[in-house]
Amino acid sequence: MIKIDLARSIADTMNIHTKDADTFLTTFTEIVADSLASGEFVRLWDRRDLT
C-alpha cells in the first residue's frame, strides 16, 4: 500500500474527500516525524494480549 492508497482507504472509511484524507495523512506523518526527530517517544498503539 502506498500513501494514496492509504488516503483513499481513510477517505472511504470516514466518508470524506480523498484530498482531505491526504491532507490529514501528510499532517499526521509530519507531526510524528518531527516528534521522533526531536527525540520524543511516539506510541501509535498499545500492546494487547493475543492469547
C-alpha atoms as a PDB file:
ATOM      1  CA  MET A   1       0.000   0.000   0.000  1.00  0.00           C
ATOM      2  CA  ILE A   2       1.325   3.415  -0.924  1.00  0.00           C
ATOM      3  CA  LYS A   3       0.307   6.766   0.550  1.00  0.00           C
ATOM      4  CA  ILE A   4      -2.510   7.500  -1.914  1.00  0.00           C
ATOM      5  CA  ASP A   5      -3.996   4.049  -1.294  1.00  0.00           C
ATOM      6  CA  LEU A   6      -3.988   4.723   2.435  1.00  0.00           C
ATOM      7  CA  ALA A   7      -5.546   8.157   1.884  1.00  0.00           C
ATOM      8  CA  ARG A   8      -8.288   6.594  -0.249  1.00  0.00           C
ATOM      9  CA  SER A   9      -8.949   3.961   2.397  1.00  0.00           C
ATOM     10  CA  ILE A  10      -9.182   6.628   5.105  1.00  0.00           C
ATOM     11  CA  ALA A  11     -11.481   8.690   2.881  1.00  0.00           C
ATOM     12  CA  ASP A  12     -13.751   5.728   2.197  1.00  0.00           C
ATOM     13  CA  THR A  13     -13.880   4.721   5.860  1.00  0.00           C
ATOM     14  CA  MET A  14     -14.550   8.248   7.121  1.00  0.00           C
ATOM     15  CA  ASN A  15     -16.769   9.257   4.196  1.00  0.00           C
ATOM     16  CA  ILE A  16     -14.598  12.286   3.384  1.00  0.00           C
ATOM     17  CA  HIS A  17     -12.840  13.507   0.247  1.00  0.00           C
ATOM     18  CA  THR A  18      -9.554  11.833  -0.648  1.00  0.00           C
ATOM     19  CA  LYS A  19      -7.864  15.252  -0.694  1.00  0.00           C
ATOM     20  CA  ASP A  20      -8.893  15.833   2.929  1.00  0.00           C
ATOM     21  CA  ALA A  21      -7.669  12.385   3.947  1.00  0.00           C
ATOM     22  CA  ASP A  22      -4.373  13.037   2.166  1.00  0.00           C
ATOM     23  CA  THR A  23      -4.006  16.361   3.996  1.00  0.00           C
ATOM     24  CA  PHE A  24      -4.668  14.588   7.293  1.00  0.00           C
ATOM     25  CA  LEU A  25      -2.157  11.854   6.487  1.00  0.00           C
ATOM     26  CA  THR A  26       0.534  14.357   5.485  1.00  0.00           C
ATOM     27  CA  THR A  27      -0.008  16.382   8.652  1.00  0.00           C
ATOM     28  CA  PHE A  28      -0.021  13.265  10.814  1.00  0.00           C
ATOM     29  CA  THR A  29       3.217  11.916   9.354  1.00  0.00           C
ATOM     30  CA  GLU A  30       4.913  15.323   9.666  1.00  0.00           C
ATOM     31  CA  ILE A  31       3.950  15.554  13.340  1.00  0.00           C
ATOM     32  CA  VAL A  32       5.189  12.025  14.039  1.00  0.00           C
ATOM     33  CA  ALA A  33       8.437  12.607  12.115  1.00  0.00           C
ATOM     34  CA  ASP A  34       9.087  15.914  13.903  1.00  0.00           C
ATOM     35  CA  SER A  35       8.417  14.319  17.272  1.00  0.00           C
ATOM     36  CA  LEU A  36      10.784  11.439  16.565  1.00  0.00           C
ATOM     37  CA  ALA A  37      13.444  13.810  15.221  1.00  0.00           C
ATOM     38  CA  SER A  38      13.345  15.775  18.465  1.00  0.00           C
ATOM     39  CA  GLY A  39      13.860  12.591  20.468  1.00  0.00           C
ATOM     40  CA  GLU A  40      10.293  12.126  21.662  1.00  0.00           C
ATOM     41  CA  PHE A  41       8.780   8.671  22.073  1.00  0.00           C
ATOM     42  CA  VAL A  42       5.782   8.077  19.810  1.00  0.00           C
ATOM     43  CA  ARG A  43       3.353   5.258  20.566  1.00  0.00           C
ATOM     44  CA  LEU A  44       0.748   4.659  17.879  1.00  0.00           C
ATOM     45  CA  TRP A  45      -0.991   1.755  19.573  1.00  0.00           C
ATOM     46  CA  ASP A  46      -0.896  -0.227  22.790  1.00  0.00           C
ATOM     47  CA  ARG A  47       0.183  -3.819  23.030  1.00  0.00           C
ATOM     48  CA  ARG A  48      -2.606  -6.236  23.702  1.00  0.00           C
ATOM     49  CA  ASP A  49      -2.733  -9.792  24.860  1.00  0.00           C
ATOM     50  CA  LEU A  50      -3.379 -12.039  21.883  1.00  0.00           C
ATOM     51  CA  THR A  51      -3.767 -15.283  23.821  1.00  0.00           C
END
